[in-house]
């Protein structure tokens, strides 16, 4: 299998953590998004021209959470048993999927507004952050951080008693907590959970030293 990725992408970080946690046999290909050749190469495997992308013997898969699920299922198939990251129980899987979809649709989207305005916008466009967009991102993030904080009361992980794909999916955008000054300091359950995630080998093995606080 071949994975097109980049360590500064939180969507890629989700997948990279799963690769590390499963010790999956995956060739990592870093895409330089500043390179025209690399962008063209990426567009050839993903019509959306976004990372991550997984290739497996002619099968091409994009969307980070779909790749995470595929890697877990393929590993389970190869080993003859499921990994605790993604158990076979249908209700447990539904719960994990719920949080993965929530991460993409809500939590990560709110974080993305702030990372764009506070980190990438100036680099890409040379323009300063828009205070109105920052306010919108903070408002949305507050709503979803509160949901996450309430859920994590008296819980160690998002689903069940073990870390799962859900934890990696939701935690990934928090890699920019410090660099984008994400306003999550008022959510103690969220912060305690995130501290636990940061102690996981898969998180530590995928840290990019250029991202402060990863």
Protein backbone atom coordinates (compact mmCIF):
# COMPACT_ATOMS: atom_id res chain seq x y z
CA UNK A 1 0.00 0.00 0.00
CA UNK A 2 1.07 3.54 -0.69
CA UNK A 3 -0.07 6.60 1.28
CA UNK A 4 0.18 10.14 -0.06
CA UNK A 5 0.37 12.42 2.93
CA UNK A 6 2.02 15.39 4.64
CA UNK A 7 2.83 15.74 8.31
CA UNK A 8 1.40 19.28 8.65
CA UNK A 9 -2.03 18.14 7.49
CA UNK A 10 -4.31 17.17 10.38
CA UNK A 11 -6.35 15.00 8.00
CA UNK A 12 -3.18 13.15 7.11
CA UNK A 13 -2.21 13.01 10.79
CA UNK A 14 -5.31 10.93 11.52
CA UNK A 15 -4.25 8.34 9.01
CA UNK A 16 -0.58 8.45 9.94
CA UNK A 17 -1.52 7.66 13.54
CA UNK A 18 -3.52 4.63 12.45
CA UNK A 19 -0.64 3.41 10.30
CA UNK A 20 1.65 3.74 13.33
CA UNK A 21 -0.81 2.14 15.76
CA UNK A 22 -1.45 -0.84 13.48
CA UNK A 23 2.17 -1.11 12.35
CA UNK A 24 0.67 -1.35 8.88
CA UNK A 25 2.87 -2.11 5.88
CA UNK A 26 2.42 1.21 4.10
CA UNK A 27 4.83 3.18 1.93
CA UNK A 28 4.62 6.83 2.98
CA UNK A 29 4.91 9.39 0.18
CA UNK A 30 5.23 12.98 1.35
CA UNK A 31 3.50 15.40 -1.00
CA UNK A 32 5.04 18.87 -1.20
CA UNK A 33 2.00 21.08 -1.72
CA UNK A 34 4.27 23.95 -2.79
CA UNK A 35 5.55 21.87 -5.70
CA UNK A 36 3.68 22.07 -9.00
CA UNK A 37 4.87 18.59 -9.92
CA UNK A 38 3.65 17.13 -6.63
CA UNK A 39 0.29 18.89 -6.93
CA UNK A 40 -0.14 17.47 -10.42
CA UNK A 41 0.81 14.04 -9.14
CA UNK A 42 -1.75 14.38 -6.34
CA UNK A 43 -4.47 15.42 -8.80
CA UNK A 44 -3.85 12.24 -10.77
CA UNK A 45 -4.84 10.06 -7.80
CA UNK A 46 -7.45 12.32 -6.19
CA UNK A 47 -9.76 14.53 -8.28
CA UNK A 48 -10.14 16.75 -5.21
CA UNK A 49 -6.37 17.33 -5.19
CA UNK A 50 -6.26 16.81 -1.43
CA UNK A 51 -4.36 14.57 0.94
CA UNK A 52 -4.37 11.91 2.24
CA UNK A 53 -4.81 9.33 -0.51
CA UNK A 54 -4.27 5.58 -0.21
CA UNK A 55 -3.38 3.28 -3.10
CA UNK A 56 -3.68 -0.47 -2.63
CA UNK A 57 -2.94 -2.63 -5.65
CA UNK A 58 -4.92 -0.42 -8.03
CA UNK A 59 -7.60 0.54 -5.51
CA UNK A 60 -7.50 4.27 -4.77
CA UNK A 61 -9.17 5.67 -1.67
CA UNK A 62 -9.43 9.24 -0.47
CA UNK A 63 -11.05 10.87 2.59
CA UNK A 64 -9.12 10.42 5.82
CA UNK A 65 -11.74 8.58 7.87
CA UNK A 66 -12.52 6.17 5.04
CA UNK A 67 -8.80 5.38 4.83
CA UNK A 68 -8.62 4.84 8.59
CA UNK A 69 -11.49 2.35 8.46
CA UNK A 70 -10.01 0.56 5.46
CA UNK A 71 -6.61 0.18 7.12
CA UNK A 72 -8.20 -1.22 10.27
CA UNK A 73 -10.34 -3.67 8.30
CA UNK A 74 -7.49 -4.80 6.04
CA UNK A 75 -5.25 -5.37 9.06
CA UNK A 76 -8.01 -7.38 10.76
CA UNK A 77 -8.45 -9.45 7.61
CA UNK A 78 -4.73 -10.16 7.40
CA UNK A 79 -4.41 -11.07 11.08
CA UNK A 80 -7.70 -12.92 11.38
CA UNK A 81 -8.97 -10.78 14.23
CA UNK A 82 -10.04 -7.15 14.67
CA UNK A 83 -7.87 -4.55 16.30
CA UNK A 84 -9.38 -2.78 19.34
CA UNK A 85 -9.11 0.44 17.33
CA UNK A 86 -12.10 -0.71 15.27
CA UNK A 87 -13.91 -3.74 16.78
CA UNK A 88 -16.36 -5.81 14.77
CA UNK A 89 -19.34 -5.24 17.10
CA UNK A 90 -21.89 -3.37 14.98
CA UNK A 91 -23.02 -0.95 17.68
CA UNK A 92 -19.50 -0.14 18.81
CA UNK A 93 -18.58 0.52 15.18
CA UNK A 94 -21.62 2.76 14.73
CA UNK A 95 -20.53 4.76 17.77
CA UNK A 96 -16.97 5.07 16.45
CA UNK A 97 -18.28 6.07 13.02
CA UNK A 98 -20.56 8.67 14.58
CA UNK A 99 -17.60 10.45 16.19
CA UNK A 100 -15.47 10.17 13.07
CA UNK A 101 -18.18 11.79 10.96
CA UNK A 102 -18.75 14.40 13.67
CA UNK A 103 -15.04 15.17 13.64
CA UNK A 104 -15.06 15.81 9.89
CA UNK A 105 -18.36 17.65 9.67
CA UNK A 106 -18.26 19.78 12.81
CA UNK A 107 -15.21 19.78 15.07
CA UNK A 108 -12.48 19.83 12.43
CA UNK A 109 -14.42 22.30 10.31
CA UNK A 110 -14.55 24.81 13.15
CA UNK A 111 -10.85 24.36 13.88
CA UNK A 112 -10.07 24.76 10.17
CA UNK A 113 -11.52 28.29 10.15
CA UNK A 114 -9.05 29.33 12.82
CA UNK A 115 -6.04 27.53 11.40
CA UNK A 116 -6.70 29.13 8.01
CA UNK A 117 -7.10 32.64 9.40
CA UNK A 118 -4.30 32.45 11.95
CA UNK A 119 -1.70 30.31 10.17
CA UNK A 120 -2.20 29.57 6.49
CA UNK A 121 -3.97 32.65 5.15
CA UNK A 122 -1.01 34.97 5.56
CA UNK A 123 1.35 32.39 4.12
CA UNK A 124 -0.83 31.61 1.09
CA UNK A 125 -2.41 34.99 0.31
CA UNK A 126 -0.38 37.52 2.26
CA UNK A 127 -3.61 38.82 3.78
CA UNK A 128 -4.20 39.33 7.52
CA UNK A 129 -6.74 37.34 9.51
CA UNK A 130 -10.35 38.48 9.20
CA UNK A 131 -11.69 39.22 12.71
CA UNK A 132 -15.21 38.26 11.64
CA UNK A 133 -14.05 34.85 10.46
CA UNK A 134 -12.02 34.38 13.62
CA UNK A 135 -15.10 35.17 15.69
CA UNK A 136 -17.16 32.69 13.65
CA UNK A 137 -14.53 30.00 14.13
CA UNK A 138 -14.35 30.63 17.86
CA UNK A 139 -18.13 30.52 18.21
CA UNK A 140 -18.43 27.25 16.30
CA UNK A 141 -15.51 25.67 18.13
CA UNK A 142 -17.02 26.63 21.49
CA UNK A 143 -20.24 24.86 20.57
CA UNK A 144 -18.53 21.62 19.56
CA UNK A 145 -15.86 21.70 22.26
CA UNK A 146 -18.68 21.86 24.81
CA UNK A 147 -20.29 18.79 23.26
CA UNK A 148 -17.00 16.92 23.44
CA UNK A 149 -16.28 18.09 26.99
CA UNK A 150 -19.67 16.89 28.26
CA UNK A 151 -19.27 13.54 26.55
CA UNK A 152 -15.84 13.00 28.10
CA UNK A 153 -17.01 13.55 31.65
CA UNK A 154 -16.19 10.30 33.49
CA UNK A 155 -14.82 8.78 30.26
CA UNK A 156 -11.22 7.98 29.40
CA UNK A 157 -11.80 7.54 25.66
CA UNK A 158 -14.58 8.55 23.28
CA UNK A 159 -15.96 5.04 22.79
CA UNK A 160 -15.68 2.24 25.34
CA UNK A 161 -12.63 1.51 27.46
CA UNK A 162 -9.98 1.66 24.74
CA UNK A 163 -8.61 4.18 22.32
CA UNK A 164 -10.31 3.81 18.93
CA UNK A 165 -10.30 5.40 15.51
CA UNK A 166 -12.71 7.96 16.94
CA UNK A 167 -10.08 9.36 19.28
CA UNK A 168 -7.54 9.76 16.50
CA UNK A 169 -10.10 11.38 14.19
CA UNK A 170 -11.24 13.95 16.73
CA UNK A 171 -7.83 14.69 18.24
CA UNK A 172 -5.91 15.30 15.01
CA UNK A 173 -6.89 18.97 14.45
CA UNK A 174 -5.87 19.79 18.02
CA UNK A 175 -2.27 19.44 16.85
CA UNK A 176 -2.66 23.17 16.13
CA UNK A 177 -3.93 24.05 19.59
CA UNK A 178 -0.90 26.22 20.41
CA UNK A 179 0.04 27.55 16.98
CA UNK A 180 -3.52 28.66 16.14
CA UNK A 181 -4.37 29.65 19.74
CA UNK A 182 -7.40 27.38 19.72
CA UNK A 183 -9.77 28.51 22.51
CA UNK A 184 -10.21 25.21 24.33
CA UNK A 185 -8.71 26.03 27.72
CA UNK A 186 -12.13 26.18 29.40
CA UNK A 187 -12.92 22.50 28.73
CA UNK A 188 -11.13 20.40 31.37
CA UNK A 189 -12.47 17.02 30.27
CA UNK A 190 -11.44 17.70 26.68
CA UNK A 191 -7.96 18.78 27.79
CA UNK A 192 -7.48 15.74 30.03
CA UNK A 193 -8.49 13.43 27.18
CA UNK A 194 -6.22 15.25 24.73
CA UNK A 195 -3.32 14.89 27.16
CA UNK A 196 -3.94 11.13 27.18
CA UNK A 197 -3.97 11.04 23.38
CA UNK A 198 -0.67 12.92 23.28
CA UNK A 199 0.92 10.19 25.40
CA UNK A 200 -0.01 7.48 22.91
CA UNK A 201 2.90 6.10 20.88
CA UNK A 202 1.00 6.69 17.65
CA UNK A 203 0.68 10.39 18.46
CA UNK A 204 4.32 10.75 19.49
CA UNK A 205 5.55 8.90 16.41
CA UNK A 206 3.71 11.30 14.08
CA UNK A 207 4.74 14.63 15.60
CA UNK A 208 5.96 17.24 13.15
CA UNK A 209 8.52 19.42 14.99
CA UNK A 210 7.57 22.42 12.84
CA UNK A 211 4.12 22.46 14.41
CA UNK A 212 4.34 23.99 17.88
CA UNK A 213 2.57 22.00 20.56
CA UNK A 214 1.99 18.87 18.49
